[in-house]
Amino acid sequence: MSTKTPLPFAAVDLGASSGRVMVGHVGPGTLRLTEVHRFPNTPVRVGGTLHWDILALYRGVLDGLRAAGRATGERLASVGVDSWAVDYGLLDAGGALIGNPVHYRDARTEAVTAKVAGTLAPSELYAATGLQYLPFNTVYQLVAAQGTPALAAARGLLLIPDLIAYWLTGEAGTELTNASTTQLVDPRTRDWARPVAEALGIDLSLFPPLRRPGDPAGELLPEVLTETGLTGPVPVTAVGSHDTASAVAGVPARGERFAYIATGTWSLAGLELDAPVLTEDSRRANFTNELGVDGTVRYLRNIMGLWLLQECLRDWEDQGQAPDLGELLRKAAACTPLRSVVDAGDPAFIAPGRMPERIADACRRTGQPVPRDAAETTRCVLDSLALAHRRAVADAQRLSGRAVDTVHIVGGGARNELLCRLTADACGLPVVAGPAEAAALGNILVQARSAGVIIGGLCESRQLLCETQGLRHYEPTGDVRAWERAEARLAKEEQPCG
């Protein structure tokens, strides 16, 4: 289908702290994005276990689609769903959800990582799946769930965006880019790593068939049309359902010599490659090979991201000392640079709570000055993130053999001028910041391609982004040796992955 009139597409984009429904109008030379509904994503702890409030999220999706209908005259060309990775819901024989999905920050996997390593050595697991070690990867969650009544009763398993799509359409599938984060997919074959699942006693038949970005994923059910007021039929299209896959598809790059940093609760920093890097050096550097749109590989490292600052702000608010974020960032910009830095990839920062105190403890433990106030804590966080970005971009180039000349920052961190400027200085490379809603844009671009509104692949989609999105440019300044010295301070405290 080819059209000169821009068509409306809806992106359901679920993040770890909030969800949103965006409408994108796409046509020749046109890509307009409008947020029509945003809603909180607030986890709930029950019986000592941290859960996602999945029904509240689904209600937010329906409300968002209703708002999308009002914004578009009750007609949508397509809907696509993306979310965070690794978590899942279990279904019984009748297709009903068995309990609320468990949050990846829950502690249930802490006791099983050694058990998995005792069955499959870390080097074997990496050679088979290319996934970095993260204690909450789906493989560890499923091993932790073994022997539970819920898993015993399960006849199906859907990753979070696939679960939402299933409720919208009644059709089940497993989208590949998100499946690749389970540590159960072989990035070379782009299919299940069956020997891994067999060795760990994981039943792959629980997963419905794999889908790829651009594949049809059903149509909105009559009950959903009634609930949202939309005029059917409304197709649902599989997109890069891992939000980072959509965000990387939404990077406005020209050519191949770029690094990306998808920023938000996490910073995902790396390169887009044609093939995975499965070397032992890559494993020890804790790089991951997740699958992307159009047969690409997202070669990246997970960094704790703006979670560190979000948790600090939450702690200060709980104490009745919530600072204005804009003023806080201005004060942080005036603080002494690189006075103290922490390892932004340290698993010690994964859990919520007491973040300013934990950052102070890390500084004290490493013999660095302890931040004296909120501004210095914020500067420590942003300096540490920029330093982690520097290391990830440099390591990705070294390990892959791919050189880059530009760093693209997309996602929420693209709005943080201080973080962008510090990242340019730390990397010694120009930074292009934006779009902030790269995941929603990548989601919509895949839908538009599937509908025939965009002809071509990632190159053509990215060209449209370059032509239509407001971007900010930051050139590196200052002395890169200060960053080298800060890096050396951290290196003394770290050990390579085992």
Protein backbone atom coordinates (compact mmCIF):
# COMPACT_ATOMS: atom_id res chain seq x y z
CA MET A 1 0.00 0.00 0.00
CA SER A 2 1.32 3.45 -0.90
CA THR A 3 -0.31 6.68 0.20
CA LYS A 4 0.47 10.37 0.04
CA THR A 5 -1.80 11.09 3.02
CA PRO A 6 -0.09 10.45 6.37
CA LEU A 7 -1.60 7.47 8.16
CA PRO A 8 -2.02 7.21 11.95
CA PHE A 9 -0.23 4.44 13.85
CA ALA A 10 -0.38 3.84 17.61
CA ALA A 11 2.66 2.83 19.64
CA VAL A 12 2.07 1.26 23.04
CA ASP A 13 5.41 1.88 24.78
CA LEU A 14 5.70 0.46 28.30
CA GLY A 15 8.68 1.52 30.38
CA ALA A 16 9.77 0.38 33.79
CA SER A 17 8.42 3.54 35.47
CA SER A 18 5.61 4.63 33.14
CA GLY A 19 3.64 3.61 30.08
CA ARG A 20 2.49 5.76 27.19
CA VAL A 21 0.46 5.51 24.04
CA MET A 22 1.74 7.64 21.17
CA VAL A 23 0.18 8.34 17.81
CA GLY A 24 2.48 8.77 14.85
CA HIS A 25 1.32 10.14 11.52
CA VAL A 26 3.60 8.82 8.77
CA GLY A 27 3.70 9.75 5.10
CA PRO A 28 6.19 10.94 2.48
CA GLY A 29 8.50 13.38 4.29
CA THR A 30 6.18 13.29 7.32
CA LEU A 31 6.68 11.80 10.76
CA ARG A 32 4.69 13.51 13.53
CA LEU A 33 4.49 12.02 17.01
CA THR A 34 1.89 12.93 19.63
CA GLU A 35 1.58 11.56 23.13
CA VAL A 36 -2.11 10.88 23.77
CA HIS A 37 -1.93 9.12 27.13
CA ARG A 38 0.67 8.48 29.84
CA PHE A 39 0.17 6.41 32.96
CA PRO A 40 2.33 5.26 35.88
CA ASN A 41 3.88 1.82 36.15
CA THR A 42 3.98 1.20 39.89
CA PRO A 43 5.12 -2.23 41.13
CA VAL A 44 3.38 -3.87 44.08
CA ARG A 45 5.01 -6.02 46.77
CA VAL A 46 2.80 -8.87 47.98
CA GLY A 47 3.90 -11.62 50.34
CA GLY A 48 7.51 -10.53 50.04
CA THR A 49 7.53 -10.72 46.22
CA LEU A 50 7.71 -7.68 43.93
CA HIS A 51 5.14 -7.84 41.12
CA TRP A 52 4.13 -5.76 38.13
CA ASP A 53 0.57 -4.48 38.34
CA ILE A 54 -0.18 -5.88 34.89
CA LEU A 55 -3.94 -5.25 34.95
CA ALA A 56 -3.39 -1.59 35.76
CA LEU A 57 -0.96 -1.44 32.83
CA TYR A 58 -3.51 -3.05 30.52
CA ARG A 59 -6.12 -0.55 31.68
CA GLY A 60 -3.67 2.21 30.79
CA VAL A 61 -3.21 0.68 27.33
CA LEU A 62 -6.98 0.59 26.72
CA ASP A 63 -7.36 4.17 27.93
CA GLY A 64 -4.50 5.16 25.64
CA LEU A 65 -6.03 3.46 22.61
CA ARG A 66 -9.32 5.21 23.37
CA ALA A 67 -7.44 8.53 23.44
CA ALA A 68 -5.70 7.57 20.19
CA GLY A 69 -9.10 7.00 18.61
CA ARG A 70 -10.30 10.42 19.69
CA ALA A 71 -7.15 11.97 18.24
CA THR A 72 -7.50 10.21 14.87
CA GLY A 73 -11.25 10.10 14.25
CA GLU A 74 -11.52 6.57 15.69
CA ARG A 75 -9.35 5.00 12.99
CA LEU A 76 -5.86 3.57 13.28
CA ALA A 77 -3.77 1.98 10.55
CA SER A 78 -2.09 -0.33 13.07
CA VAL A 79 -1.03 -0.81 16.70
CA GLY A 80 2.37 -1.99 17.96
CA VAL A 81 3.46 -2.89 21.50
CA ASP A 82 6.92 -2.67 23.07
CA SER A 83 8.07 -2.90 26.68
CA TRP A 84 10.98 -3.70 28.94
CA ALA A 85 12.60 -7.12 28.59
CA VAL A 86 13.01 -10.44 30.47
CA ASP A 87 9.74 -10.57 32.46
CA TYR A 88 6.78 -12.77 31.59
CA GLY A 89 3.30 -13.96 32.49
CA LEU A 90 2.23 -17.60 32.78
CA LEU A 91 -1.02 -18.83 31.22
CA ASP A 92 -3.14 -21.82 32.19
CA ALA A 93 -4.72 -24.30 29.77
CA GLY A 94 -7.59 -21.89 29.12
CA GLY A 95 -5.28 -18.97 28.32
CA ALA A 96 -5.91 -17.17 31.63
CA LEU A 97 -3.06 -15.42 33.44
CA ILE A 98 -1.69 -17.28 36.47
CA GLY A 99 -0.83 -14.50 38.93
CA ASN A 100 0.79 -11.14 38.40
CA PRO A 101 4.17 -11.25 36.62
CA VAL A 102 7.16 -11.01 38.96
CA HIS A 103 9.34 -7.89 38.68
CA TYR A 104 12.91 -8.42 37.50
CA ARG A 105 14.17 -6.48 40.52
CA ASP A 106 12.71 -9.10 42.86
CA ALA A 107 15.28 -11.07 44.81
CA ARG A 108 14.08 -14.53 43.75
CA THR A 109 16.93 -15.12 41.28
CA GLU A 110 19.74 -14.41 43.74
CA ALA A 111 19.95 -18.02 44.88
CA VAL A 112 19.91 -19.65 41.43
CA THR A 113 22.72 -17.98 39.49
CA ALA A 114 25.28 -20.34 41.03
CA LYS A 115 22.98 -23.29 40.30
CA VAL A 116 22.84 -22.34 36.61
CA ALA A 117 26.61 -21.87 36.49
CA GLY A 118 27.01 -25.34 38.00
CA THR A 119 25.02 -26.82 35.11
CA LEU A 120 26.32 -24.63 32.29
CA ALA A 121 29.60 -22.81 32.74
CA PRO A 122 29.29 -19.07 32.06
CA SER A 123 31.54 -19.46 29.02
CA GLU A 124 29.28 -22.21 27.60
CA LEU A 125 26.14 -20.17 28.18
CA TYR A 126 27.66 -17.12 26.51
CA ALA A 127 28.97 -19.09 23.53
CA ALA A 128 25.46 -20.46 22.98
CA THR A 129 23.39 -17.30 23.55
CA GLY A 130 25.71 -14.27 23.50
CA LEU A 131 23.87 -12.73 26.45
CA GLN A 132 25.67 -10.79 29.14
CA TYR A 133 25.31 -11.95 32.71
CA LEU A 134 22.47 -10.19 34.46
CA PRO A 135 21.01 -11.92 37.51
CA PHE A 136 17.43 -11.27 36.39
CA ASN A 137 17.64 -12.69 32.85
CA THR A 138 14.62 -14.85 32.05
CA VAL A 139 16.69 -18.01 32.19
CA TYR A 140 17.41 -17.37 35.89
CA GLN A 141 13.79 -16.43 36.57
CA LEU A 142 12.57 -19.70 35.07
CA VAL A 143 15.08 -21.77 37.01
CA ALA A 144 14.01 -19.93 40.18
CA ALA A 145 10.37 -20.77 39.38
CA GLN A 146 11.01 -24.50 38.95
CA GLY A 147 8.96 -26.53 41.42
CA THR A 148 6.42 -23.77 42.04
CA PRO A 149 2.70 -24.46 41.61
CA ALA A 150 2.39 -21.61 39.10
CA LEU A 151 4.98 -23.01 36.71
CA ALA A 152 3.62 -26.53 37.16
CA ALA A 153 0.15 -25.33 36.14
CA ALA A 154 1.39 -23.24 33.21
CA ARG A 155 0.60 -24.25 29.66
CA GLY A 156 1.88 -21.05 28.09
CA LEU A 157 4.37 -18.26 28.71
CA LEU A 158 4.23 -14.77 27.21
CA LEU A 159 6.81 -12.02 27.57
CA ILE A 160 5.22 -8.73 28.69
CA PRO A 161 4.62 -7.07 25.28
CA ASP A 162 3.40 -10.39 23.86
CA LEU A 163 0.99 -10.70 26.80
CA ILE A 164 -0.47 -7.26 26.11
CA ALA A 165 -0.77 -8.07 22.40
CA TYR A 166 -2.46 -11.38 23.27
CA TRP A 167 -5.07 -9.63 25.38
CA LEU A 168 -5.68 -7.16 22.54
CA THR A 169 -5.99 -9.78 19.79
CA GLY A 170 -6.48 -13.24 21.25
CA GLU A 171 -3.46 -14.43 19.22
CA ALA A 172 -0.24 -15.54 20.92
CA GLY A 173 3.30 -15.16 19.62
CA THR A 174 6.84 -14.57 20.85
CA GLU A 175 8.52 -11.58 19.22
CA LEU A 176 12.16 -12.30 18.42
CA THR A 177 13.98 -9.17 19.60
CA ASN A 178 12.52 -9.57 23.07
CA ALA A 179 12.92 -13.36 23.04
CA SER A 180 16.64 -12.77 22.52
CA THR A 181 16.84 -11.21 26.01
CA THR A 182 15.69 -14.44 27.67
CA GLN A 183 19.15 -16.04 27.28
CA LEU A 184 17.39 -18.87 25.46
CA VAL A 185 18.01 -17.77 21.84
CA ASP A 186 21.03 -18.47 19.63
CA PRO A 187 21.91 -15.12 17.99
CA ARG A 188 23.53 -16.88 15.02
CA THR A 189 20.49 -18.92 14.03
CA ARG A 190 17.94 -16.43 15.44
CA ASP A 191 16.10 -19.42 16.87
CA TRP A 192 15.83 -21.09 20.27
CA ALA A 193 19.04 -22.37 21.87
CA ARG A 194 17.50 -25.77 22.54
CA PRO A 195 20.56 -27.40 24.16
CA VAL A 196 20.61 -24.61 26.76
CA ALA A 197 16.93 -25.04 27.59
CA GLU A 198 17.30 -28.82 27.76
CA ALA A 199 20.30 -28.63 30.09
CA LEU A 200 18.45 -26.30 32.47
CA GLY A 201 15.13 -28.14 32.36
CA ILE A 202 13.25 -25.27 30.70
CA ASP A 203 10.26 -26.26 28.58
CA LEU A 204 10.42 -24.21 25.37
CA SER A 205 7.00 -25.49 24.33
CA LEU A 206 5.56 -22.96 26.79
CA PHE A 207 6.57 -20.21 24.35
CA PRO A 208 4.29 -19.67 21.32
CA PRO A 209 5.91 -19.47 17.86
CA LEU A 210 8.48 -16.79 17.16
CA ARG A 211 7.50 -13.62 15.32
CA ARG A 212 9.73 -11.04 13.70
CA PRO A 213 9.34 -7.25 13.54
CA GLY A 214 6.86 -6.44 10.79
CA ASP A 215 4.95 -9.71 11.07
CA PRO A 216 1.17 -9.51 11.54
CA ALA A 217 0.09 -10.16 15.13
CA GLY A 218 -3.69 -10.30 14.74
CA GLU A 219 -6.44 -7.68 14.93
CA LEU A 220 -8.05 -5.92 17.87
CA LEU A 221 -10.78 -8.10 19.32
CA PRO A 222 -14.41 -6.92 19.07
CA GLU A 223 -14.47 -6.38 22.84
CA VAL A 224 -11.37 -4.18 22.58
CA LEU A 225 -12.93 -2.17 19.77
CA THR A 226 -16.00 -1.66 21.94
CA GLU A 227 -13.89 -0.69 24.95
CA THR A 228 -11.78 1.82 23.01
CA GLY A 229 -14.35 3.14 20.55
CA LEU A 230 -12.08 2.36 17.61
CA THR A 231 -13.46 1.45 14.21
CA GLY A 232 -12.26 -1.95 13.03
CA PRO A 233 -10.57 -3.75 11.66
CA VAL A 234 -7.40 -2.54 13.39
CA PRO A 235 -4.36 -4.76 12.78
CA VAL A 236 -1.70 -5.28 15.43
CA THR A 237 1.82 -5.47 14.01
CA ALA A 238 4.80 -7.12 15.68
CA VAL A 239 7.48 -4.47 16.18
CA GLY A 240 10.82 -4.57 17.96
CA SER A 241 8.90 -5.41 21.10
CA HIS A 242 11.90 -5.04 23.36
CA ASP A 243 11.82 -1.28 23.84
CA THR A 244 15.56 -1.05 23.22
CA ALA A 245 15.14 -2.78 19.85
CA SER A 246 12.57 -0.14 18.93
CA ALA A 247 14.76 2.63 20.34
CA VAL A 248 17.75 1.54 18.25
CA ALA A 249 15.49 1.39 15.18
CA GLY A 250 14.61 4.98 16.12
CA VAL A 251 18.25 6.22 16.09
CA PRO A 252 18.58 8.98 13.45
CA ALA A 253 21.95 7.74 12.18
CA ARG A 254 23.53 8.46 8.84
CA GLY A 255 25.66 5.49 7.83
CA GLU A 256 27.07 2.71 10.01
CA ARG A 257 29.84 4.41 12.00
CA PHE A 258 27.76 5.27 15.05
CA ALA A 259 27.35 4.18 18.62
CA TYR A 260 24.05 4.53 20.43
CA ILE A 261 23.10 5.04 24.04
CA ALA A 262 19.43 4.36 24.70
CA THR A 263 18.84 6.17 27.97
CA GLY A 264 16.10 5.89 30.53
CA THR A 265 15.89 3.77 33.65
CA TRP A 266 18.79 1.89 32.03
CA SER A 267 21.49 3.08 29.67
CA LEU A 268 22.03 0.58 26.86
CA ALA A 269 25.27 1.54 25.15
CA GLY A 270 26.77 -0.13 22.13
CA LEU A 271 26.83 -0.70 18.38
CA GLU A 272 24.56 -2.10 15.70
CA LEU A 273 26.28 -5.07 14.02
CA ASP A 274 25.54 -7.62 11.33
CA ALA A 275 26.71 -10.61 13.40
CA PRO A 276 27.19 -11.43 17.09
CA VAL A 277 30.52 -11.21 18.91
CA LEU A 278 30.82 -14.40 20.96
CA THR A 279 34.45 -14.25 22.09
CA GLU A 280 35.59 -14.90 25.62
CA ASP A 281 36.89 -11.31 25.81
CA SER A 282 33.39 -10.11 24.95
CA ARG A 283 31.90 -12.25 27.71
CA ARG A 284 34.37 -11.01 30.27
CA ALA A 285 33.56 -7.43 29.27
CA ASN A 286 29.89 -8.28 29.92
CA PHE A 287 28.61 -7.33 26.48
CA THR A 288 25.37 -8.72 25.17
CA ASN A 289 24.26 -9.74 21.68
CA GLU A 290 20.55 -8.99 21.50
CA LEU A 291 18.68 -9.22 18.23
CA GLY A 292 17.43 -6.14 16.43
CA VAL A 293 15.25 -5.11 13.52
CA ASP A 294 16.14 -6.31 10.00
CA GLY A 295 18.52 -9.05 11.08
CA THR A 296 20.80 -6.76 13.07
CA VAL A 297 22.52 -7.47 16.37
CA ARG A 298 22.42 -4.99 19.24
CA TYR A 299 25.90 -5.37 20.70
CA LEU A 300 25.70 -3.49 23.97
CA ARG A 301 26.34 -3.27 27.67
CA ASN A 302 23.64 -2.62 30.27
CA ILE A 303 24.44 0.34 32.52
CA MET A 304 22.34 1.25 35.54
CA GLY A 305 21.20 4.46 33.83
CA LEU A 306 19.01 7.24 35.18
CA TRP A 307 17.59 4.75 37.69
CA LEU A 308 20.34 6.03 39.99
CA LEU A 309 19.06 9.60 39.80
CA GLN A 310 15.39 8.54 39.82
CA GLU A 311 15.93 6.62 43.05
CA CYS A 312 17.82 9.55 44.61
CA LEU A 313 14.94 11.88 43.76
CA ARG A 314 12.46 9.41 45.23
CA ASP A 315 14.47 9.13 48.43
CA TRP A 316 14.73 12.92 48.79
CA GLU A 317 11.00 13.25 48.15
CA ASP A 318 10.23 10.62 50.81
CA GLN A 319 12.26 12.71 53.24
CA GLY A 320 10.36 15.87 52.31
CA GLN A 321 13.42 17.36 50.63
CA ALA A 322 12.45 17.00 46.97
CA PRO A 323 14.53 19.47 44.91
CA ASP A 324 13.39 21.04 41.66
CA LEU A 325 15.07 18.92 38.97
CA GLY A 326 16.00 21.84 36.73
CA GLU A 327 17.59 23.75 39.61
CA LEU A 328 19.31 20.58 40.83
CA LEU A 329 20.89 20.00 37.41
CA ARG A 330 22.06 23.63 37.25
CA LYS A 331 23.73 23.27 40.65
CA ALA A 332 25.22 19.91 39.62
CA ALA A 333 26.72 21.51 36.51
CA ALA A 334 28.57 23.97 38.76
CA CYS A 335 30.01 21.25 41.04
CA THR A 336 33.62 20.09 40.83
CA PRO A 337 33.83 17.64 37.93
CA LEU A 338 34.76 14.01 38.60
CA ARG A 339 35.22 14.65 42.32
CA SER A 340 33.74 11.22 42.99
CA VAL A 341 32.55 8.46 40.65
CA VAL A 342 30.92 5.08 41.18
CA ASP A 343 30.58 2.03 38.95
CA ALA A 344 27.24 2.59 37.20
CA GLY A 345 27.14 -1.08 36.25
CA ASP A 346 27.48 -2.38 39.81
CA PRO A 347 24.68 -4.87 40.62
CA ALA A 348 24.68 -3.39 44.14
CA PHE A 349 22.58 -0.54 42.72
CA ILE A 350 19.87 -2.74 41.14
CA ALA A 351 17.50 -2.86 44.11
CA PRO A 352 15.39 0.17 45.04
CA GLY A 353 15.80 2.23 48.20
CA ARG A 354 18.35 4.43 50.01
CA MET A 355 20.20 5.32 46.81
CA PRO A 356 21.95 8.51 48.06
CA GLU A 357 23.21 6.57 51.08
CA ARG A 358 24.42 3.68 48.91
CA ILE A 359 26.22 6.06 46.56
CA ALA A 360 27.89 7.71 49.57
CA ASP A 361 28.91 4.26 50.89
CA ALA A 362 30.44 3.37 47.50
CA CYS A 363 32.46 6.60 47.48
CA ARG A 364 33.60 6.02 51.06
CA ARG A 365 34.57 2.42 50.29
CA THR A 366 36.73 3.50 47.35
CA GLY A 367 38.45 6.30 49.26
CA GLN A 368 36.76 9.14 47.38
CA PRO A 369 35.10 12.24 48.81
CA VAL A 370 31.53 11.60 49.91
CA PRO A 371 28.97 13.90 48.21
CA ARG A 372 27.93 16.60 50.66
CA ASP A 373 24.51 17.47 49.26
CA ALA A 374 21.96 16.64 46.56
CA ALA A 375 23.82 18.62 43.89
CA GLU A 376 27.10 16.78 44.49
CA THR A 377 25.29 13.44 44.56
CA THR A 378 23.64 14.30 41.25
CA ARG A 379 26.97 15.33 39.74
CA CYS A 380 28.49 12.06 40.96
CA VAL A 381 25.66 10.12 39.28
CA LEU A 382 25.95 11.95 35.95
CA ASP A 383 29.75 11.88 35.89
CA SER A 384 29.55 8.14 36.64
CA LEU A 385 27.04 7.55 33.85
CA ALA A 386 29.15 9.49 31.35
CA LEU A 387 32.20 7.50 32.42
CA ALA A 388 30.28 4.25 31.97
CA HIS A 389 29.15 5.43 28.52
CA ARG A 390 32.77 6.17 27.63
CA ARG A 391 33.92 2.73 28.66
CA ALA A 392 31.07 0.94 26.89
CA VAL A 393 31.60 2.80 23.60
CA ALA A 394 35.35 2.22 23.69
CA ASP A 395 35.01 -1.45 24.64
CA ALA A 396 32.37 -2.09 21.96
CA GLN A 397 34.70 -0.72 19.28
CA ARG A 398 37.67 -2.72 20.55
CA LEU A 399 35.79 -6.00 20.85
CA SER A 400 33.87 -5.77 17.57
CA GLY A 401 36.51 -4.14 15.39
CA ARG A 402 33.95 -1.50 14.31
CA ALA A 403 35.10 2.13 14.68
CA VAL A 404 32.60 4.93 15.23
CA ASP A 405 32.71 8.68 14.75
CA THR A 406 29.42 9.73 16.40
CA VAL A 407 27.48 8.83 19.52
CA HIS A 408 23.68 9.03 19.41
CA ILE A 409 21.84 9.50 22.70
CA VAL A 410 18.16 8.65 22.47
CA GLY A 411 15.45 8.21 25.08
CA GLY A 412 14.77 10.29 28.17
CA GLY A 413 18.43 11.12 28.77
CA ALA A 414 18.52 13.03 25.47
CA ARG A 415 16.67 15.81 27.33
CA ASN A 416 19.39 15.99 30.00
CA GLU A 417 21.79 18.57 28.60
CA LEU A 418 24.39 18.00 31.32
CA LEU A 419 24.47 14.23 30.74
CA CYS A 420 24.80 14.73 26.97
CA ARG A 421 27.59 17.25 27.35
CA LEU A 422 29.46 15.05 29.84
CA THR A 423 29.10 12.03 27.55
CA ALA A 424 30.57 13.95 24.61
CA ASP A 425 33.51 15.02 26.79
CA ALA A 426 34.01 11.54 28.24
CA CYS A 427 33.88 9.75 24.87
CA GLY A 428 35.83 12.43 23.03
CA LEU A 429 33.24 12.17 20.26
CA PRO A 430 30.39 14.38 19.03
CA VAL A 431 27.03 13.50 20.52
CA VAL A 432 23.71 13.79 18.68
CA ALA A 433 20.87 13.94 21.22
CA GLY A 434 17.35 12.92 20.34
CA PRO A 435 14.74 11.86 19.75
CA ALA A 436 13.64 11.41 23.35
CA GLU A 437 10.80 9.12 22.25
CA ALA A 438 12.98 6.91 20.07
CA ALA A 439 11.28 3.67 21.21
CA ALA A 440 7.84 4.91 20.17
CA LEU A 441 9.24 6.23 16.88
CA GLY A 442 11.03 2.95 16.11
CA ASN A 443 7.83 1.10 16.96
CA ILE A 444 5.81 3.27 14.58
CA LEU A 445 8.38 3.15 11.77
CA VAL A 446 8.26 -0.68 11.72
CA GLN A 447 4.46 -0.52 11.53
CA ALA A 448 4.61 2.05 8.71
CA ARG A 449 7.03 -0.12 6.75
CA SER A 450 4.77 -3.14 7.19
CA ALA A 451 1.85 -1.06 5.91
CA GLY A 452 3.84 0.05 2.85
CA VAL A 453 3.94 3.71 3.86
CA ILE A 454 7.75 3.60 4.02
CA ILE A 455 9.55 1.73 1.26
CA GLY A 456 12.93 0.36 2.27
CA GLY A 457 14.75 -0.66 5.42
CA LEU A 458 16.42 0.95 8.39
CA CYS A 459 18.36 3.36 6.20
CA GLU A 460 15.18 4.86 4.73
CA SER A 461 13.45 4.97 8.11
CA ARG A 462 16.42 6.73 9.67
CA GLN A 463 16.55 9.20 6.82
CA LEU A 464 12.97 10.17 7.65
CA LEU A 465 13.97 10.62 11.31
CA CYS A 466 16.85 12.90 10.32
CA GLU A 467 14.52 15.01 8.21
CA THR A 468 11.72 15.37 10.72
CA GLN A 469 13.06 15.21 14.30
CA GLY A 470 14.62 18.05 16.26
CA LEU A 471 18.14 17.00 17.27
CA ARG A 472 20.79 18.67 19.43
CA HIS A 473 24.53 18.43 18.83
CA TYR A 474 27.30 18.46 21.44
CA GLU A 475 31.00 18.65 20.59
CA PRO A 476 33.59 17.31 23.04
CA THR A 477 35.48 19.90 25.07
CA GLY A 478 37.99 19.79 27.87
CA ASP A 479 40.77 17.39 28.75
CA VAL A 480 40.02 13.71 28.15
CA ARG A 481 42.85 12.83 30.55
CA ALA A 482 40.63 13.73 33.51
CA TRP A 483 38.24 11.00 32.39
CA GLU A 484 41.14 8.57 32.01
CA ARG A 485 42.20 9.27 35.59
CA ALA A 486 38.64 8.75 36.86
CA GLU A 487 38.46 5.51 34.92
CA ALA A 488 41.70 4.35 36.51
CA ARG A 489 40.28 5.04 39.98
CA LEU A 490 37.37 2.71 39.30
CA ALA A 491 39.50 0.05 37.61
CA LYS A 492 41.32 -0.60 40.88
CA GLU A 493 38.06 -1.73 42.48
CA GLU A 494 36.68 -3.95 39.71
CA GLN A 495 37.11 -7.56 38.75
CA PRO A 496 36.28 -9.07 35.34
CA CYS A 497 33.19 -11.23 34.97
CA GLY A 498 33.76 -14.82 36.05
